Amino acid sequence: VKERQPRTDPAMNEPQAVQKPAKPQAKGLDKVLEEMKGPTEISTVAKTSADWDNFKDKSGLEEQLEAQASSNKAFLVKQDFLKRVDLRKFELEKAERDLVRSQNKK
């Protein structure tokens, strides 16, 4: 049984499995800047959210958006109102049905 030898790169005369690209080590100020840099990738959602927050801060739009959200024209305000009306109608109809049932039992 022959023992397998790792393939070698003829130009380097070193086994390819051991060969790694040399990364220069940062020194001094470059090292500090590299440590401070942190993650460079940012998601599209995070970038868009940050851009929107900055735009609202610069243009003073935050107060207008909050006022619009709580006004009678707002979609969620209308939905809450319609749910309350529907619940109130159901309760009135239920009370009416209960009254009819109690009268029929007598």
PDB file of N, CA and C in Angstrom:
ATOM      1  N   VAL A   1       0.857  -1.178   0.000  1.00  0.00           N
ATOM      2  CA  VAL A   1       0.000   0.000   0.000  1.00  0.00           C
ATOM      3  C   VAL A   1       0.893   1.228   0.000  1.00  0.00           C
ATOM      4  N   LYS A   2       0.614   2.091  -0.990  1.00  0.00           N
ATOM      5  CA  LYS A   2       1.393   3.323  -1.076  1.00  0.00           C
ATOM      6  C   LYS A   2       0.769   4.392  -0.213  1.00  0.00           C
ATOM      7  N   GLU A   3       1.615   5.164   0.415  1.00  0.00           N
ATOM      8  CA  GLU A   3       1.138   6.288   1.225  1.00  0.00           C
ATOM      9  C   GLU A   3       0.994   7.490   0.306  1.00  0.00           C
ATOM     10  N   ARG A   4      -0.130   8.208   0.408  1.00  0.00           N
ATOM     11  CA  ARG A   4      -0.379   9.345  -0.480  1.00  0.00           C
ATOM     12  C   ARG A   4       0.413  10.561  -0.017  1.00  0.00           C
ATOM     13  N   GLN A   5       1.030  11.183  -0.956  1.00  0.00           N
ATOM     14  CA  GLN A   5       1.780  12.411  -0.712  1.00  0.00           C
ATOM     15  C   GLN A   5       0.890  13.592  -1.088  1.00  0.00           C
ATOM     16  N   PRO A   6       0.905  14.681  -0.305  1.00  0.00           N
ATOM     17  CA  PRO A   6       0.131  15.849  -0.708  1.00  0.00           C
ATOM     18  C   PRO A   6       0.700  16.420  -2.001  1.00  0.00           C
ATOM     19  N   ARG A   7      -0.217  16.941  -2.842  1.00  0.00           N
ATOM     20  CA  ARG A   7       0.234  17.542  -4.092  1.00  0.00           C
ATOM     21  C   ARG A   7       1.043  18.780  -3.780  1.00  0.00           C
ATOM     22  N   THR A   8       2.025  19.022  -4.593  1.00  0.00           N
ATOM     23  CA  THR A   8       2.876  20.189  -4.367  1.00  0.00           C
ATOM     24  C   THR A   8       2.752  21.139  -5.535  1.00  0.00           C
ATOM     25  N   ASP A   9       2.946  22.379  -5.226  1.00  0.00           N
ATOM     26  CA  ASP A   9       2.978  23.412  -6.252  1.00  0.00           C
ATOM     27  C   ASP A   9       4.405  23.440  -6.779  1.00  0.00           C
ATOM     28  N   PRO A  10       4.605  23.198  -8.079  1.00  0.00           N
ATOM     29  CA  PRO A  10       5.979  23.116  -8.584  1.00  0.00           C
ATOM     30  C   PRO A  10       6.736  24.429  -8.431  1.00  0.00           C
ATOM     31  N   ALA A  11       6.055  25.558  -8.452  1.00  0.00           N
ATOM     32  CA  ALA A  11       6.763  26.835  -8.340  1.00  0.00           C
ATOM     33  C   ALA A  11       7.231  27.081  -6.914  1.00  0.00           C
ATOM     34  N   MET A  12       6.489  26.602  -5.935  1.00  0.00           N
ATOM     35  CA  MET A  12       6.808  26.892  -4.536  1.00  0.00           C
ATOM     36  C   MET A  12       7.477  25.717  -3.830  1.00  0.00           C
ATOM     37  N   ASN A  13       7.318  24.537  -4.356  1.00  0.00           N
ATOM     38  CA  ASN A  13       7.839  23.326  -3.724  1.00  0.00           C
ATOM     39  C   ASN A  13       7.298  23.161  -2.305  1.00  0.00           C
ATOM     40  N   GLU A  14       6.052  23.592  -2.090  1.00  0.00           N
ATOM     41  CA  GLU A  14       5.386  23.421  -0.802  1.00  0.00           C
ATOM     42  C   GLU A  14       4.067  22.707  -1.057  1.00  0.00           C
ATOM     43  N   PRO A  15       3.610  21.926  -0.115  1.00  0.00           N
ATOM     44  CA  PRO A  15       2.303  21.287  -0.290  1.00  0.00           C
ATOM     45  C   PRO A  15       1.210  22.357  -0.411  1.00  0.00           C
ATOM     46  N   GLN A  16       0.247  22.120  -1.319  1.00  0.00           N
ATOM     47  CA  GLN A  16      -0.809  23.106  -1.531  1.00  0.00           C
ATOM     48  C   GLN A  16      -1.749  23.215  -0.340  1.00  0.00           C
ATOM     49  N   ALA A  17      -1.931  22.153   0.399  1.00  0.00           N
ATOM     50  CA  ALA A  17      -2.843  22.184   1.531  1.00  0.00           C
ATOM     51  C   ALA A  17      -2.345  23.120   2.624  1.00  0.00           C
ATOM     52  N   VAL A  18      -1.049  23.313   2.725  1.00  0.00           N
ATOM     53  CA  VAL A  18      -0.465  24.137   3.768  1.00  0.00           C
ATOM     54  C   VAL A  18      -0.361  25.592   3.320  1.00  0.00           C
ATOM     55  N   GLN A  19      -0.316  25.814   2.054  1.00  0.00           N
ATOM     56  CA  GLN A  19      -0.090  27.149   1.511  1.00  0.00           C
ATOM     57  C   GLN A  19      -1.303  28.044   1.753  1.00  0.00           C
ATOM     58  N   LYS A  20      -1.090  29.199   2.404  1.00  0.00           N
ATOM     59  CA  LYS A  20      -2.140  30.171   2.680  1.00  0.00           C
ATOM     60  C   LYS A  20      -1.661  31.534   2.214  1.00  0.00           C
ATOM     61  N   PRO A  21      -2.575  32.348   1.718  1.00  0.00           N
ATOM     62  CA  PRO A  21      -2.147  33.680   1.313  1.00  0.00           C
ATOM     63  C   PRO A  21      -1.735  34.492   2.547  1.00  0.00           C
ATOM     64  N   ALA A  22      -0.640  35.173   2.412  1.00  0.00           N
ATOM     65  CA  ALA A  22      -0.129  35.957   3.529  1.00  0.00           C
ATOM     66  C   ALA A  22      -0.886  37.275   3.617  1.00  0.00           C
ATOM     67  N   LYS A  23      -1.467  37.544   4.789  1.00  0.00           N
ATOM     68  CA  LYS A  23      -2.186  38.794   5.014  1.00  0.00           C
ATOM     69  C   LYS A  23      -1.288  39.684   5.865  1.00  0.00           C
ATOM     70  N   PRO A  24      -0.956  40.859   5.372  1.00  0.00           N
ATOM     71  CA  PRO A  24      -0.079  41.715   6.153  1.00  0.00           C
ATOM     72  C   PRO A  24      -0.774  42.167   7.436  1.00  0.00           C
ATOM     73  N   GLN A  25      -0.031  42.162   8.509  1.00  0.00           N
ATOM     74  CA  GLN A  25      -0.559  42.595   9.794  1.00  0.00           C
ATOM     75  C   GLN A  25      -0.543  44.117   9.869  1.00  0.00           C
ATOM     76  N   ALA A  26      -1.664  44.678  10.300  1.00  0.00           N
ATOM     77  CA  ALA A  26      -1.744  46.128  10.457  1.00  0.00           C
ATOM     78  C   ALA A  26      -0.962  46.525  11.707  1.00  0.00           C
ATOM     79  N   LYS A  27      -0.284  47.657  11.616  1.00  0.00           N
ATOM     80  CA  LYS A  27       0.529  48.120  12.736  1.00  0.00           C
ATOM     81  C   LYS A  27       0.160  49.551  13.066  1.00  0.00           C
ATOM     82  N   GLY A  28       0.317  49.892  14.320  1.00  0.00           N
ATOM     83  CA  GLY A  28       0.144  51.276  14.750  1.00  0.00           C
ATOM     84  C   GLY A  28      -1.265  51.799  14.525  1.00  0.00           C
ATOM     85  N   LEU A  29      -1.340  52.953  13.890  1.00  0.00           N
ATOM     86  CA  LEU A  29      -2.602  53.635  13.652  1.00  0.00           C
ATOM     87  C   LEU A  29      -3.521  52.827  12.749  1.00  0.00           C
ATOM     88  N   ASP A  30      -2.969  52.123  11.768  1.00  0.00           N
ATOM     89  CA  ASP A  30      -3.779  51.279  10.891  1.00  0.00           C
ATOM     90  C   ASP A  30      -4.489  50.186  11.684  1.00  0.00           C
ATOM     91  N   LYS A  31      -3.822  49.630  12.678  1.00  0.00           N
ATOM     92  CA  LYS A  31      -4.418  48.582  13.497  1.00  0.00           C
ATOM     93  C   LYS A  31      -5.587  49.136  14.300  1.00  0.00           C
ATOM     94  N   VAL A  32      -5.399  50.322  14.874  1.00  0.00           N
ATOM     95  CA  VAL A  32      -6.462  50.955  15.660  1.00  0.00           C
ATOM     96  C   VAL A  32      -7.665  51.266  14.764  1.00  0.00           C
ATOM     97  N   LEU A  33      -7.414  51.807  13.581  1.00  0.00           N
ATOM     98  CA  LEU A  33      -8.500  52.128  12.657  1.00  0.00           C
ATOM     99  C   LEU A  33      -9.235  50.879  12.206  1.00  0.00           C
ATOM    100  N   GLU A  34      -8.510  49.800  11.989  1.00  0.00           N
ATOM    101  CA  GLU A  34      -9.130  48.549  11.568  1.00  0.00           C
ATOM    102  C   GLU A  34     -10.018  47.992  12.672  1.00  0.00           C
ATOM    103  N   GLU A  35      -9.597  48.119  13.931  1.00  0.00           N
ATOM    104  CA  GLU A  35     -10.407  47.659  15.054  1.00  0.00           C
ATOM    105  C   GLU A  35     -11.652  48.515  15.228  1.00  0.00           C
ATOM    106  N   MET A  36     -11.539  49.816  14.971  1.00  0.00           N
ATOM    107  CA  MET A  36     -12.669  50.729  15.127  1.00  0.00           C
ATOM    108  C   MET A  36     -13.677  50.583  13.993  1.00  0.00           C
ATOM    109  N   LYS A  37     -13.215  50.114  12.851  1.00  0.00           N
ATOM    110  CA  LYS A  37     -14.065  50.039  11.664  1.00  0.00           C
ATOM    111  C   LYS A  37     -15.299  49.192  11.909  1.00  0.00           C
ATOM    112  N   GLY A  38     -15.167  48.069  12.577  1.00  0.00           N
ATOM    113  CA  GLY A  38     -16.297  47.203  12.872  1.00  0.00           C
ATOM    114  C   GLY A  38     -16.876  46.592  11.613  1.00  0.00           C
ATOM    115  N   PRO A  39     -18.139  46.132  11.703  1.00  0.00           N
ATOM    116  CA  PRO A  39     -18.756  45.496  10.537  1.00  0.00           C
ATOM    117  C   PRO A  39     -19.028  46.517   9.436  1.00  0.00           C
ATOM    118  N   THR A  40     -18.715  46.142   8.202  1.00  0.00           N
ATOM    119  CA  THR A  40     -18.896  47.065   7.092  1.00  0.00           C
ATOM    120  C   THR A  40     -20.179  46.786   6.322  1.00  0.00           C
ATOM    121  N   GLU A  41     -20.764  45.607   6.480  1.00  0.00           N
ATOM    122  CA  GLU A  41     -21.974  45.263   5.748  1.00  0.00           C
ATOM    123  C   GLU A  41     -23.193  45.720   6.541  1.00  0.00           C
ATOM    124  N   ILE A  42     -24.143  46.334   5.851  1.00  0.00           N
ATOM    125  CA  ILE A  42     -25.387  46.773   6.480  1.00  0.00           C
ATOM    126  C   ILE A  42     -26.533  46.343   5.558  1.00  0.00           C
ATOM    127  N   SER A  43     -27.602  45.882   6.157  1.00  0.00           N
ATOM    128  CA  SER A  43     -28.714  45.400   5.338  1.00  0.00           C
ATOM    129  C   SER A  43     -29.467  46.573   4.728  1.00  0.00           C
ATOM    130  N   THR A  44     -30.188  46.282   3.685  1.00  0.00           N
ATOM    131  CA  THR A  44     -30.972  47.311   3.002  1.00  0.00           C
ATOM    132  C   THR A  44     -32.048  47.869   3.925  1.00  0.00           C
ATOM    133  N   VAL A  45     -32.652  47.005   4.713  1.00  0.00           N
ATOM    134  CA  VAL A  45     -33.710  47.451   5.626  1.00  0.00           C
ATOM    135  C   VAL A  45     -33.138  48.381   6.690  1.00  0.00           C
ATOM    136  N   ALA A  46     -31.985  48.025   7.252  1.00  0.00           N
ATOM    137  CA  ALA A  46     -31.368  48.866   8.276  1.00  0.00           C
ATOM    138  C   ALA A  46     -30.955  50.214   7.691  1.00  0.00           C
ATOM    139  N   LYS A  47     -30.412  50.203   6.492  1.00  0.00           N
ATOM    140  CA  LYS A  47     -29.991  51.448   5.832  1.00  0.00           C
ATOM    141  C   LYS A  47     -31.199  52.331   5.547  1.00  0.00           C
ATOM    142  N   THR A  48     -32.271  51.750   5.021  1.00  0.00           N
ATOM    143  CA  THR A  48     -33.474  52.512   4.715  1.00  0.00           C
ATOM    144  C   THR A  48     -34.084  53.096   5.980  1.00  0.00           C
ATOM    145  N   SER A  49     -34.117  52.309   7.037  1.00  0.00           N
ATOM    146  CA  SER A  49     -34.671  52.782   8.308  1.00  0.00           C
ATOM    147  C   SER A  49     -33.856  53.947   8.858  1.00  0.00           C
ATOM    148  N   ALA A  50     -32.554  53.831   8.802  1.00  0.00           N
ATOM    149  CA  ALA A  50     -31.691  54.912   9.281  1.00  0.00           C
ATOM    150  C   ALA A  50     -31.868  56.164   8.421  1.00  0.00           C
ATOM    151  N   ASP A  51     -31.956  55.998   7.108  1.00  0.00           N
ATOM    152  CA  ASP A  51     -32.169  57.137   6.214  1.00  0.00           C
ATOM    153  C   ASP A  51     -33.500  57.824   6.502  1.00  0.00           C
ATOM    154  N   TRP A  52     -34.550  57.042   6.736  1.00  0.00           N
ATOM    155  CA  TRP A  52     -35.873  57.596   7.024  1.00  0.00           C
ATOM    156  C   TRP A  52     -35.845  58.361   8.346  1.00  0.00           C
ATOM    157  N   ASP A  53     -35.202  57.793   9.373  1.00  0.00           N
ATOM    158  CA  ASP A  53     -35.102  58.481  10.662  1.00  0.00           C
ATOM    159  C   ASP A  53     -34.346  59.798  10.522  1.00  0.00           C
ATOM    160  N   ASN A  54     -33.259  59.798   9.770  1.00  0.00           N
ATOM    161  CA  ASN A  54     -32.492  61.034   9.550  1.00  0.00           C
ATOM    162  C   ASN A  54     -33.324  62.074   8.811  1.00  0.00           C
ATOM    163  N   PHE A  55     -34.075  61.639   7.807  1.00  0.00           N
ATOM    164  CA  PHE A  55     -34.913  62.558   7.041  1.00  0.00           C
ATOM    165  C   PHE A  55     -35.987  63.184   7.935  1.00  0.00           C
ATOM    166  N   LYS A  56     -36.618  62.353   8.784  1.00  0.00           N
ATOM    167  CA  LYS A  56     -37.650  62.879   9.687  1.00  0.00           C
ATOM    168  C   LYS A  56     -37.065  63.899  10.653  1.00  0.00           C
ATOM    169  N   ASP A  57     -35.861  63.621  11.150  1.00  0.00           N
ATOM    170  CA  ASP A  57     -35.214  64.553  12.083  1.00  0.00           C
ATOM    171  C   ASP A  57     -34.876  65.873  11.405  1.00  0.00           C
ATOM    172  N   LYS A  58     -34.329  65.812  10.208  1.00  0.00           N
ATOM    173  CA  LYS A  58     -33.912  67.031   9.505  1.00  0.00           C
ATOM    174  C   LYS A  58     -35.093  67.878   9.063  1.00  0.00           C
ATOM    175  N   SER A  59     -36.171  67.245   8.627  1.00  0.00           N
ATOM    176  CA  SER A  59     -37.293  67.998   8.069  1.00  0.00           C
ATOM    177  C   SER A  59     -38.370  68.329   9.095  1.00  0.00           C
ATOM    178  N   GLY A  60     -38.265  67.832  10.319  1.00  0.00           N
ATOM    179  CA  GLY A  60     -39.275  68.090  11.336  1.00  0.00           C
ATOM    180  C   GLY A  60     -40.592  67.395  11.029  1.00  0.00           C
ATOM    181  N   LEU A  61     -40.531  66.308  10.350  1.00  0.00           N
ATOM    182  CA  LEU A  61     -41.708  65.589   9.894  1.00  0.00           C
ATOM    183  C   LEU A  61     -42.316  64.695  10.972  1.00  0.00           C
ATOM    184  N   GLU A  62     -41.581  64.413  12.009  1.00  0.00           N
ATOM    185  CA  GLU A  62     -42.023  63.489  13.058  1.00  0.00           C
ATOM    186  C   GLU A  62     -43.346  63.935  13.687  1.00  0.00           C
ATOM    187  N   GLU A  63     -43.449  65.212  14.046  1.00  0.00           N
ATOM    188  CA  GLU A  63     -44.667  65.704  14.702  1.00  0.00           C
ATOM    189  C   GLU A  63     -45.864  65.630  13.758  1.00  0.00           C
ATOM    190  N   GLN A  64     -45.646  65.948  12.490  1.00  0.00           N
ATOM    191  CA  GLN A  64     -46.741  65.882  11.521  1.00  0.00           C
ATOM    192  C   GLN A  64     -47.230  64.447  11.338  1.00  0.00           C
ATOM    193  N   LEU A  65     -46.306  63.504  11.303  1.00  0.00           N
ATOM    194  CA  LEU A  65     -46.681  62.097  11.147  1.00  0.00           C
ATOM    195  C   LEU A  65     -47.466  61.597  12.352  1.00  0.00           C
ATOM    196  N   GLU A  66     -47.050  61.999  13.550  1.00  0.00           N
ATOM    197  CA  GLU A  66     -47.763  61.581  14.761  1.00  0.00           C
ATOM    198  C   GLU A  66     -49.155  62.194  14.801  1.00  0.00           C
ATOM    199  N   ALA A  67     -49.270  63.470  14.414  1.00  0.00           N
ATOM    200  CA  ALA A  67     -50.576  64.128  14.396  1.00  0.00           C
ATOM    201  C   ALA A  67     -51.494  63.458  13.372  1.00  0.00           C
ATOM    202  N   GLN A  68     -50.970  63.131  12.215  1.00  0.00           N
ATOM    203  CA  GLN A  68     -51.768  62.477  11.179  1.00  0.00           C
ATOM    204  C   GLN A  68     -52.208  61.086  11.624  1.00  0.00           C
ATOM    205  N   ALA A  69     -51.342  60.386  12.322  1.00  0.00           N
ATOM    206  CA  ALA A  69     -51.661  59.025  12.765  1.00  0.00           C
ATOM    207  C   ALA A  69     -52.788  59.027  13.796  1.00  0.00           C
ATOM    208  N   SER A  70     -52.904  60.089  14.570  1.00  0.00           N
ATOM    209  CA  SER A  70     -53.948  60.129  15.599  1.00  0.00           C
ATOM    210  C   SER A  70     -55.192  60.891  15.141  1.00  0.00           C
ATOM    211  N   SER A  71     -55.210  61.419  13.940  1.00  0.00           N
ATOM    212  CA  SER A  71     -56.371  62.167  13.452  1.00  0.00           C
ATOM    213  C   SER A  71     -57.488  61.227  13.030  1.00  0.00           C
ATOM    214  N   ASN A  72     -58.661  61.783  12.776  1.00  0.00           N
ATOM    215  CA  ASN A  72     -59.814  60.975  12.363  1.00  0.00           C
ATOM    216  C   ASN A  72     -59.658  60.404  10.965  1.00  0.00           C
ATOM    217  N   LYS A  73     -58.714  60.887  10.205  1.00  0.00           N
ATOM    218  CA  LYS A  73     -58.507  60.404   8.840  1.00  0.00           C
ATOM    219  C   LYS A  73     -57.623  59.156   8.792  1.00  0.00           C
ATOM    220  N   ALA A  74     -57.019  58.837   9.903  1.00  0.00           N
ATOM    221  CA  ALA A  74     -56.068  57.722   9.930  1.00  0.00           C
ATOM    222  C   ALA A  74     -56.792  56.381   9.805  1.00  0.00           C
ATOM    223  N   PHE A  75     -56.209  55.479   9.080  1.00  0.00           N
ATOM    224  CA  PHE A  75     -56.802  54.166   8.812  1.00  0.00           C
ATOM    225  C   PHE A  75     -57.022  53.375  10.101  1.00  0.00           C
ATOM    226  N   LEU A  76     -56.017  53.317  10.973  1.00  0.00           N
ATOM    227  CA  LEU A  76     -56.134  52.519  12.192  1.00  0.00           C
ATOM    228  C   LEU A  76     -57.179  53.085  13.136  1.00  0.00           C
ATOM    229  N   VAL A  77     -57.302  54.405  13.191  1.00  0.00           N
ATOM    230  CA  VAL A  77     -58.321  55.026  14.033  1.00  0.00           C
ATOM    231  C   VAL A  77     -59.709  54.632  13.533  1.00  0.00           C
ATOM    232  N   LYS A  78     -59.878  54.650  12.222  1.00  0.00           N
ATOM    233  CA  LYS A  78     -61.169  54.252  11.644  1.00  0.00           C
ATOM    234  C   LYS A  78     -61.466  52.787  11.921  1.00  0.00           C
ATOM    235  N   GLN A  79     -60.469  51.935  11.801  1.00  0.00           N
ATOM    236  CA  GLN A  79     -60.671  50.509  12.054  1.00  0.00           C
ATOM    237  C   GLN A  79     -61.075  50.259  13.497  1.00  0.00           C
ATOM    238  N   ASP A  80     -60.428  50.941  14.439  1.00  0.00           N
ATOM    239  CA  ASP A  80     -60.792  50.794  15.853  1.00  0.00           C
ATOM    240  C   ASP A  80     -62.232  51.244  16.088  1.00  0.00           C
ATOM    241  N   PHE A  81     -62.613  52.350  15.487  1.00  0.00           N
ATOM    242  CA  PHE A  81     -63.982  52.855  15.626  1.00  0.00           C
ATOM    243  C   PHE A  81     -64.986  51.839  15.082  1.00  0.00           C
ATOM    244  N   LEU A  82     -64.717  51.297  13.902  1.00  0.00           N
ATOM    245  CA  LEU A  82     -65.641  50.330  13.308  1.00  0.00           C
ATOM    246  C   LEU A  82     -65.756  49.059  14.152  1.00  0.00           C
ATOM    247  N   LYS A  83     -64.664  48.629  14.743  1.00  0.00           N
ATOM    248  CA  LYS A  83     -64.721  47.452  15.618  1.00  0.00           C
ATOM    249  C   LYS A  83     -65.568  47.729  16.852  1.00  0.00           C
ATOM    250  N   ARG A  84     -65.429  48.918  17.434  1.00  0.00           N
ATOM    251  CA  ARG A  84     -66.232  49.266  18.611  1.00  0.00           C
ATOM    252  C   ARG A  84     -67.716  49.327  18.253  1.00  0.00           C
ATOM    253  N   VAL A  85     -68.048  49.902  17.090  1.00  0.00           N
ATOM    254  CA  VAL A  85     -69.444  49.984  16.654  1.00  0.00           C
ATOM    255  C   VAL A  85     -70.009  48.588  16.439  1.00  0.00           C
ATOM    256  N   ASP A  86     -69.240  47.710  15.794  1.00  0.00           N
ATOM    257  CA  ASP A  86     -69.692  46.351  15.542  1.00  0.00           C
ATOM    258  C   ASP A  86     -69.937  45.602  16.850  1.00  0.00           C
ATOM    259  N   LEU A  87     -69.037  45.757  17.804  1.00  0.00           N
ATOM    260  CA  LEU A  87     -69.191  45.105  19.100  1.00  0.00           C
ATOM    261  C   LEU A  87     -70.430  45.624  19.822  1.00  0.00           C
ATOM    262  N   ARG A  88     -70.640  46.927  19.781  1.00  0.00           N
ATOM    263  CA  ARG A  88     -71.812  47.524  20.440  1.00  0.00           C
ATOM    264  C   ARG A  88     -73.118  47.015  19.801  1.00  0.00           C
ATOM    265  N   LYS A  89     -73.160  46.933  18.475  1.00  0.00           N
ATOM    266  CA  LYS A  89     -74.341  46.403  17.786  1.00  0.00           C
ATOM    267  C   LYS A  89     -74.598  44.953  18.198  1.00  0.00           C
ATOM    268  N   PHE A  90     -73.527  44.166  18.246  1.00  0.00           N
ATOM    269  CA  PHE A  90     -73.664  42.759  18.640  1.00  0.00           C
ATOM    270  C   PHE A  90     -74.224  42.651  20.048  1.00  0.00           C
ATOM    271  N   GLU A  91     -73.712  43.465  20.976  1.00  0.00           N
ATOM    272  CA  GLU A  91     -74.192  43.426  22.362  1.00  0.00           C
ATOM    273  C   GLU A  91     -75.666  43.806  22.445  1.00  0.00           C
ATOM    274  N   LEU A  92     -76.096  44.828  21.676  1.00  0.00           N
ATOM    275  CA  LEU A  92     -77.504  45.227  21.680  1.00  0.00           C
ATOM    276  C   LEU A  92     -78.395  44.121  21.108  1.00  0.00           C
ATOM    277  N   GLU A  93     -77.945  43.498  20.007  1.00  0.00           N
ATOM    278  CA  GLU A  93     -78.717  42.411  19.413  1.00  0.00           C
ATOM    279  C   GLU A  93     -78.808  41.219  20.357  1.00  0.00           C
ATOM    280  N   LYS A  94     -77.715  40.927  21.052  1.00  0.00           N
ATOM    281  CA  LYS A  94     -77.695  39.808  21.990  1.00  0.00           C
ATOM    282  C   LYS A  94     -78.667  40.070  23.144  1.00  0.00           C
ATOM    283  N   ALA A  95     -78.651  41.288  23.650  1.00  0.00           N
ATOM    284  CA  ALA A  95     -79.571  41.633  24.733  1.00  0.00           C
ATOM    285  C   ALA A  95     -81.020  41.499  24.274  1.00  0.00           C
ATOM    286  N   GLU A  96     -81.297  41.898  23.040  1.00  0.00           N
ATOM    287  CA  GLU A  96     -82.644  41.773  22.486  1.00  0.00           C
ATOM    288  C   GLU A  96     -83.048  40.306  22.358  1.00  0.00           C
ATOM    289  N   ARG A  97     -82.136  39.440  21.869  1.00  0.00           N
ATOM    290  CA  ARG A  97     -82.416  38.002  21.742  1.00  0.00           C
ATOM    291  C   ARG A  97     -82.665  37.371  23.103  1.00  0.00           C
ATOM    292  N   ASP A  98     -81.860  37.754  24.095  1.00  0.00           N
ATOM    293  CA  ASP A  98     -82.038  37.215  25.443  1.00  0.00           C
ATOM    294  C   ASP A  98     -83.399  37.608  26.004  1.00  0.00           C
ATOM    295  N   LEU A  99     -83.838  38.821  25.730  1.00  0.00           N
ATOM    296  CA  LEU A  99     -85.140  39.285  26.198  1.00  0.00           C
ATOM    297  C   LEU A  99     -86.265  38.469  25.558  1.00  0.00           C
ATOM    298  N   VAL A 100     -86.150  38.207  24.249  1.00  0.00           N
ATOM    299  CA  VAL A 100     -87.162  37.417  23.547  1.00  0.00           C
ATOM    300  C   VAL A 100     -87.181  35.994  24.095  1.00  0.00           C
ATOM    301  N   ARG A 101     -86.037  35.394  24.347  1.00  0.00           N
ATOM    302  CA  ARG A 101     -85.962  34.032  24.886  1.00  0.00           C
ATOM    303  C   ARG A 101     -86.615  33.949  26.263  1.00  0.00           C
ATOM    304  N   SER A 102     -86.321  34.952  27.095  1.00  0.00           N
ATOM    305  CA  SER A 102     -86.903  34.920  28.446  1.00  0.00           C
ATOM    306  C   SER A 102     -88.406  35.070  28.408  1.00  0.00           C
ATOM    307  N   GLN A 103     -88.953  35.830  27.438  1.00  0.00           N
ATOM    308  CA  GLN A 103     -90.398  35.995  27.314  1.00  0.00           C
ATOM    309  C   GLN A 103     -91.040  34.728  26.773  1.00  0.00           C
ATOM    310  N   ASN A 104     -90.341  33.982  25.912  1.00  0.00           N
ATOM    311  CA  ASN A 104     -90.888  32.747  25.344  1.00  0.00           C
ATOM    312  C   ASN A 104     -90.954  31.627  26.365  1.00  0.00           C
ATOM    313  N   LYS A 105     -90.112  31.647  27.358  1.00  0.00           N
ATOM    314  CA  LYS A 105     -90.085  30.598  28.376  1.00  0.00           C
ATOM    315  C   LYS A 105     -91.281  30.703  29.312  1.00  0.00           C
ATOM    316  N   LYS A 106     -91.836  31.873  29.465  1.00  0.00           N
ATOM    317  CA  LYS A 106     -92.940  32.066  30.399  1.00  0.00           C
ATOM    318  C   LYS A 106     -94.214  31.534  29.917  1.00  0.00           C
TER     319      LYS A 106
END
